[in-house]
Amino acid sequence: MSIFTGLSAFPLTPFQNDAVDEHAFIGLIQRLSGAKVDSITTLGSTGSYAYLTPDERARVAGSCR
């Protein structure tokens, strides 16, 4: 038996004009939450995460609340 069950989502962080598109990101999180996924992992190691400033990372993490 696996200890991992359910559906996990790993959304990329959307950008517009070389900046985090917070409005679009919040929309993604809301849709995933509405779809009743079991877990959402943000700021993963794919995409542009490595290029975000500490402030951008904090804003992305804070918009998941």
PDB file of N, CA and C in Angstrom:
ATOM      1  N   MET A   1       0.845  -1.195   0.000  1.00  0.00           N
ATOM      2  CA  MET A   1       0.000   0.000   0.000  1.00  0.00           C
ATOM      3  C   MET A   1       0.882   1.248   0.000  1.00  0.00           C
ATOM      4  N   SER A   2       0.560   2.184  -0.837  1.00  0.00           N
ATOM      5  CA  SER A   2       1.319   3.419  -0.934  1.00  0.00           C
ATOM      6  C   SER A   2       0.860   4.427   0.114  1.00  0.00           C
ATOM      7  N   ILE A   3       1.809   5.193   0.641  1.00  0.00           N
ATOM      8  CA  ILE A   3       1.437   6.255   1.581  1.00  0.00           C
ATOM      9  C   ILE A   3       0.970   7.500   0.831  1.00  0.00           C
ATOM     10  N   PHE A   4       1.209   7.522  -0.481  1.00  0.00           N
ATOM     11  CA  PHE A   4       0.797   8.657  -1.303  1.00  0.00           C
ATOM     12  C   PHE A   4      -0.497   8.317  -2.031  1.00  0.00           C
ATOM     13  N   THR A   5      -1.505   9.130  -1.801  1.00  0.00           N
ATOM     14  CA  THR A   5      -2.779   8.937  -2.491  1.00  0.00           C
ATOM     15  C   THR A   5      -3.315  10.299  -2.908  1.00  0.00           C
ATOM     16  N   GLY A   6      -4.255  10.299  -3.802  1.00  0.00           N
ATOM     17  CA  GLY A   6      -4.905  11.537  -4.212  1.00  0.00           C
ATOM     18  C   GLY A   6      -4.208  12.212  -5.373  1.00  0.00           C
ATOM     19  N   LEU A   7      -4.655  13.418  -5.657  1.00  0.00           N
ATOM     20  CA  LEU A   7      -4.173  14.197  -6.784  1.00  0.00           C
ATOM     21  C   LEU A   7      -3.347  15.377  -6.286  1.00  0.00           C
ATOM     22  N   SER A   8      -2.104  15.457  -6.741  1.00  0.00           N
ATOM     23  CA  SER A   8      -1.225  16.568  -6.378  1.00  0.00           C
ATOM     24  C   SER A   8      -1.019  17.459  -7.596  1.00  0.00           C
ATOM     25  N   ALA A   9      -1.055  18.765  -7.374  1.00  0.00           N
ATOM     26  CA  ALA A   9      -0.869  19.730  -8.457  1.00  0.00           C
ATOM     27  C   ALA A   9       0.424  20.514  -8.227  1.00  0.00           C
ATOM     28  N   PHE A  10       1.146  20.747  -9.312  1.00  0.00           N
ATOM     29  CA  PHE A  10       2.398  21.493  -9.278  1.00  0.00           C
ATOM     30  C   PHE A  10       2.339  22.613 -10.315  1.00  0.00           C
ATOM     31  N   PRO A  11       1.567  23.673 -10.035  1.00  0.00           N
ATOM     32  CA  PRO A  11       1.412  24.729 -11.052  1.00  0.00           C
ATOM     33  C   PRO A  11       2.687  25.543 -11.234  1.00  0.00           C
ATOM     34  N   LEU A  12       2.958  25.909 -12.476  1.00  0.00           N
ATOM     35  CA  LEU A  12       4.048  26.838 -12.741  1.00  0.00           C
ATOM     36  C   LEU A  12       3.615  28.237 -12.332  1.00  0.00           C
ATOM     37  N   THR A  13       4.564  29.108 -12.093  1.00  0.00           N
ATOM     38  CA  THR A  13       4.262  30.486 -11.721  1.00  0.00           C
ATOM     39  C   THR A  13       4.178  31.318 -12.998  1.00  0.00           C
ATOM     40  N   PRO A  14       2.993  31.872 -13.305  1.00  0.00           N
ATOM     41  CA  PRO A  14       2.838  32.642 -14.540  1.00  0.00           C
ATOM     42  C   PRO A  14       3.543  34.000 -14.464  1.00  0.00           C
ATOM     43  N   PHE A  15       4.070  34.420 -15.598  1.00  0.00           N
ATOM     44  CA  PHE A  15       4.744  35.714 -15.716  1.00  0.00           C
ATOM     45  C   PHE A  15       4.076  36.549 -16.796  1.00  0.00           C
ATOM     46  N   GLN A  16       4.196  37.858 -16.628  1.00  0.00           N
ATOM     47  CA  GLN A  16       3.775  38.803 -17.652  1.00  0.00           C
ATOM     48  C   GLN A  16       4.726  39.989 -17.568  1.00  0.00           C
ATOM     49  N   ASN A  17       5.296  40.364 -18.687  1.00  0.00           N
ATOM     50  CA  ASN A  17       6.247  41.483 -18.739  1.00  0.00           C
ATOM     51  C   ASN A  17       7.407  41.295 -17.749  1.00  0.00           C
ATOM     52  N   ASP A  18       7.950  40.087 -17.711  1.00  0.00           N
ATOM     53  CA  ASP A  18       9.097  39.751 -16.852  1.00  0.00           C
ATOM     54  C   ASP A  18       8.826  39.905 -15.361  1.00  0.00           C
ATOM     55  N   ALA A  19       7.579  39.787 -14.951  1.00  0.00           N
ATOM     56  CA  ALA A  19       7.224  39.850 -13.534  1.00  0.00           C
ATOM     57  C   ALA A  19       6.176  38.782 -13.246  1.00  0.00           C
ATOM     58  N   VAL A  20       6.120  38.369 -11.995  1.00  0.00           N
ATOM     59  CA  VAL A  20       5.113  37.381 -11.600  1.00  0.00           C
ATOM     60  C   VAL A  20       3.728  37.965 -11.830  1.00  0.00           C
ATOM     61  N   ASP A  21       2.877  37.221 -12.505  1.00  0.00           N
ATOM     62  CA  ASP A  21       1.486  37.638 -12.726  1.00  0.00           C
ATOM     63  C   ASP A  21       0.675  37.091 -11.562  1.00  0.00           C
ATOM     64  N   GLU A  22       0.634  37.861 -10.491  1.00  0.00           N
ATOM     65  CA  GLU A  22      -0.015  37.402  -9.259  1.00  0.00           C
ATOM     66  C   GLU A  22      -1.506  37.120  -9.467  1.00  0.00           C
ATOM     67  N   HIS A  23      -2.164  37.933 -10.259  1.00  0.00           N
ATOM     68  CA  HIS A  23      -3.595  37.736 -10.508  1.00  0.00           C
ATOM     69  C   HIS A  23      -3.836  36.380 -11.183  1.00  0.00           C
ATOM     70  N   ALA A  24      -3.039  36.072 -12.196  1.00  0.00           N
ATOM     71  CA  ALA A  24      -3.173  34.790 -12.890  1.00  0.00           C
ATOM     72  C   ALA A  24      -2.826  33.633 -11.956  1.00  0.00           C
ATOM     73  N   PHE A  25      -1.813  33.817 -11.125  1.00  0.00           N
ATOM     74  CA  PHE A  25      -1.411  32.757 -10.203  1.00  0.00           C
ATOM     75  C   PHE A  25      -2.518  32.465  -9.193  1.00  0.00           C
ATOM     76  N   ILE A  26      -3.105  33.500  -8.644  1.00  0.00           N
ATOM     77  CA  ILE A  26      -4.214  33.313  -7.696  1.00  0.00           C
ATOM     78  C   ILE A  26      -5.363  32.580  -8.379  1.00  0.00           C
ATOM     79  N   GLY A  27      -5.647  32.917  -9.636  1.00  0.00           N
ATOM     80  CA  GLY A  27      -6.688  32.212 -10.388  1.00  0.00           C
ATOM     81  C   GLY A  27      -6.383  30.731 -10.528  1.00  0.00           C
ATOM     82  N   LEU A  28      -5.119  30.390 -10.804  1.00  0.00           N
ATOM     83  CA  LEU A  28      -4.725  28.982 -10.898  1.00  0.00           C
ATOM     84  C   LEU A  28      -4.976  28.252  -9.579  1.00  0.00           C
ATOM     85  N   ILE A  29      -4.559  28.869  -8.490  1.00  0.00           N
ATOM     86  CA  ILE A  29      -4.722  28.247  -7.172  1.00  0.00           C
ATOM     87  C   ILE A  29      -6.203  28.079  -6.842  1.00  0.00           C
ATOM     88  N   GLN A  30      -6.998  29.075  -7.151  1.00  0.00           N
ATOM     89  CA  GLN A  30      -8.438  28.979  -6.888  1.00  0.00           C
ATOM     90  C   GLN A  30      -9.076  27.861  -7.694  1.00  0.00           C
ATOM     91  N   ARG A  31      -8.695  27.711  -8.955  1.00  0.00           N
ATOM     92  CA  ARG A  31      -9.247  26.633  -9.780  1.00  0.00           C
ATOM     93  C   ARG A  31      -8.825  25.267  -9.253  1.00  0.00           C
ATOM     94  N   LEU A  32      -7.575  25.140  -8.859  1.00  0.00           N
ATOM     95  CA  LEU A  32      -7.110  23.866  -8.314  1.00  0.00           C
ATOM     96  C   LEU A  32      -7.828  23.539  -7.009  1.00  0.00           C
ATOM     97  N   SER A  33      -7.999  24.532  -6.177  1.00  0.00           N
ATOM     98  CA  SER A  33      -8.721  24.335  -4.921  1.00  0.00           C
ATOM     99  C   SER A  33     -10.171  23.950  -5.190  1.00  0.00           C
ATOM    100  N   GLY A  34     -10.802  24.624  -6.129  1.00  0.00           N
ATOM    101  CA  GLY A  34     -12.181  24.320  -6.494  1.00  0.00           C
ATOM    102  C   GLY A  34     -12.336  22.922  -7.069  1.00  0.00           C
ATOM    103  N   ALA A  35     -11.276  22.425  -7.700  1.00  0.00           N
ATOM    104  CA  ALA A  35     -11.296  21.069  -8.266  1.00  0.00           C
ATOM    105  C   ALA A  35     -11.033  20.021  -7.191  1.00  0.00           C
ATOM    106  N   LYS A  36     -10.787  20.479  -5.975  1.00  0.00           N
ATOM    107  CA  LYS A  36     -10.588  19.594  -4.814  1.00  0.00           C
ATOM    108  C   LYS A  36      -9.345  18.714  -4.938  1.00  0.00           C
ATOM    109  N   VAL A  37      -8.240  19.289  -5.490  1.00  0.00           N
ATOM    110  CA  VAL A  37      -7.005  18.521  -5.492  1.00  0.00           C
ATOM    111  C   VAL A  37      -6.572  18.320  -4.040  1.00  0.00           C
ATOM    112  N   ASP A  38      -5.817  17.270  -3.795  1.00  0.00           N
ATOM    113  CA  ASP A  38      -5.426  16.929  -2.431  1.00  0.00           C
ATOM    114  C   ASP A  38      -4.229  17.732  -1.924  1.00  0.00           C
ATOM    115  N   SER A  39      -3.380  18.173  -2.834  1.00  0.00           N
ATOM    116  CA  SER A  39      -2.247  19.003  -2.426  1.00  0.00           C
ATOM    117  C   SER A  39      -1.819  19.887  -3.587  1.00  0.00           C
ATOM    118  N   ILE A  40      -1.288  21.056  -3.224  1.00  0.00           N
ATOM    119  CA  ILE A  40      -0.771  22.001  -4.210  1.00  0.00           C
ATOM    120  C   ILE A  40       0.638  22.378  -3.763  1.00  0.00           C
ATOM    121  N   THR A  41       1.597  22.176  -4.652  1.00  0.00           N
ATOM    122  CA  THR A  41       2.980  22.537  -4.360  1.00  0.00           C
ATOM    123  C   THR A  41       3.384  23.670  -5.287  1.00  0.00           C
ATOM    124  N   THR A  42       3.757  24.788  -4.697  1.00  0.00           N
ATOM    125  CA  THR A  42       4.185  25.937  -5.492  1.00  0.00           C
ATOM    126  C   THR A  42       5.687  26.129  -5.339  1.00  0.00           C
ATOM    127  N   LEU A  43       6.250  26.934  -6.194  1.00  0.00           N
ATOM    128  CA  LEU A  43       7.665  27.280  -6.148  1.00  0.00           C
ATOM    129  C   LEU A  43       8.556  26.045  -6.220  1.00  0.00           C
ATOM    130  N   GLY A  44       8.176  25.121  -7.077  1.00  0.00           N
ATOM    131  CA  GLY A  44       8.986  23.931  -7.282  1.00  0.00           C
ATOM    132  C   GLY A  44      10.245  24.251  -8.061  1.00  0.00           C
ATOM    133  N   SER A  45      10.987  23.238  -8.371  1.00  0.00           N
ATOM    134  CA  SER A  45      12.290  23.445  -9.004  1.00  0.00           C
ATOM    135  C   SER A  45      12.216  23.585 -10.517  1.00  0.00           C
ATOM    136  N   THR A  46      11.013  23.544 -11.091  1.00  0.00           N
ATOM    137  CA  THR A  46      10.884  23.727 -12.531  1.00  0.00           C
ATOM    138  C   THR A  46      10.470  25.160 -12.831  1.00  0.00           C
ATOM    139  N   GLY A  47      10.561  25.543 -14.061  1.00  0.00           N
ATOM    140  CA  GLY A  47      10.117  26.870 -14.446  1.00  0.00           C
ATOM    141  C   GLY A  47      11.082  27.951 -13.997  1.00  0.00           C
ATOM    142  N   SER A  48      10.560  29.099 -13.635  1.00  0.00           N
ATOM    143  CA  SER A  48      11.379  30.278 -13.333  1.00  0.00           C
ATOM    144  C   SER A  48      11.664  30.467 -11.854  1.00  0.00           C
ATOM    145  N   TYR A  49      11.343  29.506 -11.029  1.00  0.00           N
ATOM    146  CA  TYR A  49      11.535  29.642  -9.579  1.00  0.00           C
ATOM    147  C   TYR A  49      12.944  30.123  -9.229  1.00  0.00           C
ATOM    148  N   ALA A  50      13.931  29.542  -9.854  1.00  0.00           N
ATOM    149  CA  ALA A  50      15.319  29.872  -9.519  1.00  0.00           C
ATOM    150  C   ALA A  50      15.659  31.331  -9.804  1.00  0.00           C
ATOM    151  N   TYR A  51      14.869  31.979 -10.646  1.00  0.00           N
ATOM    152  CA  TYR A  51      15.161  33.352 -11.036  1.00  0.00           C
ATOM    153  C   TYR A  51      14.336  34.384 -10.264  1.00  0.00           C
ATOM    154  N   LEU A  52      13.471  33.926  -9.379  1.00  0.00           N
ATOM    155  CA  LEU A  52      12.665  34.853  -8.589  1.00  0.00           C
ATOM    156  C   LEU A  52      13.500  35.449  -7.458  1.00  0.00           C
ATOM    157  N   THR A  53      13.218  36.692  -7.139  1.00  0.00           N
ATOM    158  CA  THR A  53      13.873  37.320  -5.996  1.00  0.00           C
ATOM    159  C   THR A  53      13.221  36.791  -4.722  1.00  0.00           C
ATOM    160  N   PRO A  54      13.868  36.941  -3.574  1.00  0.00           N
ATOM    161  CA  PRO A  54      13.233  36.523  -2.322  1.00  0.00           C
ATOM    162  C   PRO A  54      11.864  37.181  -2.103  1.00  0.00           C
ATOM    163  N   ASP A  55      11.739  38.468  -2.495  1.00  0.00           N
ATOM    164  CA  ASP A  55      10.455  39.159  -2.350  1.00  0.00           C
ATOM    165  C   ASP A  55       9.383  38.531  -3.240  1.00  0.00           C
ATOM    166  N   GLU A  56       9.746  38.201  -4.482  1.00  0.00           N
ATOM    167  CA  GLU A  56       8.783  37.561  -5.388  1.00  0.00           C
ATOM    168  C   GLU A  56       8.360  36.197  -4.846  1.00  0.00           C
ATOM    169  N   ARG A  57       9.295  35.437  -4.336  1.00  0.00           N
ATOM    170  CA  ARG A  57       8.978  34.138  -3.751  1.00  0.00           C
ATOM    171  C   ARG A  57       8.012  34.276  -2.574  1.00  0.00           C
ATOM    172  N   ALA A  58       8.261  35.283  -1.743  1.00  0.00           N
ATOM    173  CA  ALA A  58       7.388  35.514  -0.583  1.00  0.00           C
ATOM    174  C   ALA A  58       5.986  35.889  -1.035  1.00  0.00           C
ATOM    175  N   ARG A  59       5.866  36.729  -2.073  1.00  0.00           N
ATOM    176  CA  ARG A  59       4.536  37.116  -2.573  1.00  0.00           C
ATOM    177  C   ARG A  59       3.787  35.925  -3.154  1.00  0.00           C
ATOM    178  N   VAL A  60       4.505  35.072  -3.906  1.00  0.00           N
ATOM    179  CA  VAL A  60       3.875  33.880  -4.462  1.00  0.00           C
ATOM    180  C   VAL A  60       3.385  32.973  -3.338  1.00  0.00           C
ATOM    181  N   ALA A  61       4.226  32.733  -2.357  1.00  0.00           N
ATOM    182  CA  ALA A  61       3.836  31.872  -1.240  1.00  0.00           C
ATOM    183  C   ALA A  61       2.671  32.489  -0.458  1.00  0.00           C
ATOM    184  N   GLY A  62       2.696  33.790  -0.277  1.00  0.00           N
ATOM    185  CA  GLY A  62       1.625  34.462   0.461  1.00  0.00           C
ATOM    186  C   GLY A  62       0.296  34.465  -0.264  1.00  0.00           C
ATOM    187  N   SER A  63       0.323  34.387  -1.577  1.00  0.00           N
ATOM    188  CA  SER A  63      -0.939  34.418  -2.335  1.00  0.00           C
ATOM    189  C   SER A  63      -1.658  33.072  -2.290  1.00  0.00           C
ATOM    190  N   CYS A  64      -1.042  32.070  -1.685  1.00  0.00           N
ATOM    191  CA  CYS A  64      -1.670  30.746  -1.575  1.00  0.00           C
ATOM    192  C   CYS A  64      -2.544  30.624  -0.332  1.00  0.00           C
ATOM    193  N   ARG A  65      -2.564  31.621   0.500  1.00  0.00           N
ATOM    194  CA  ARG A  65      -3.317  31.538   1.766  1.00  0.00           C
ATOM    195  C   ARG A  65      -4.785  31.662   1.558  1.00  0.00           C
TER     196      ARG A  65
END
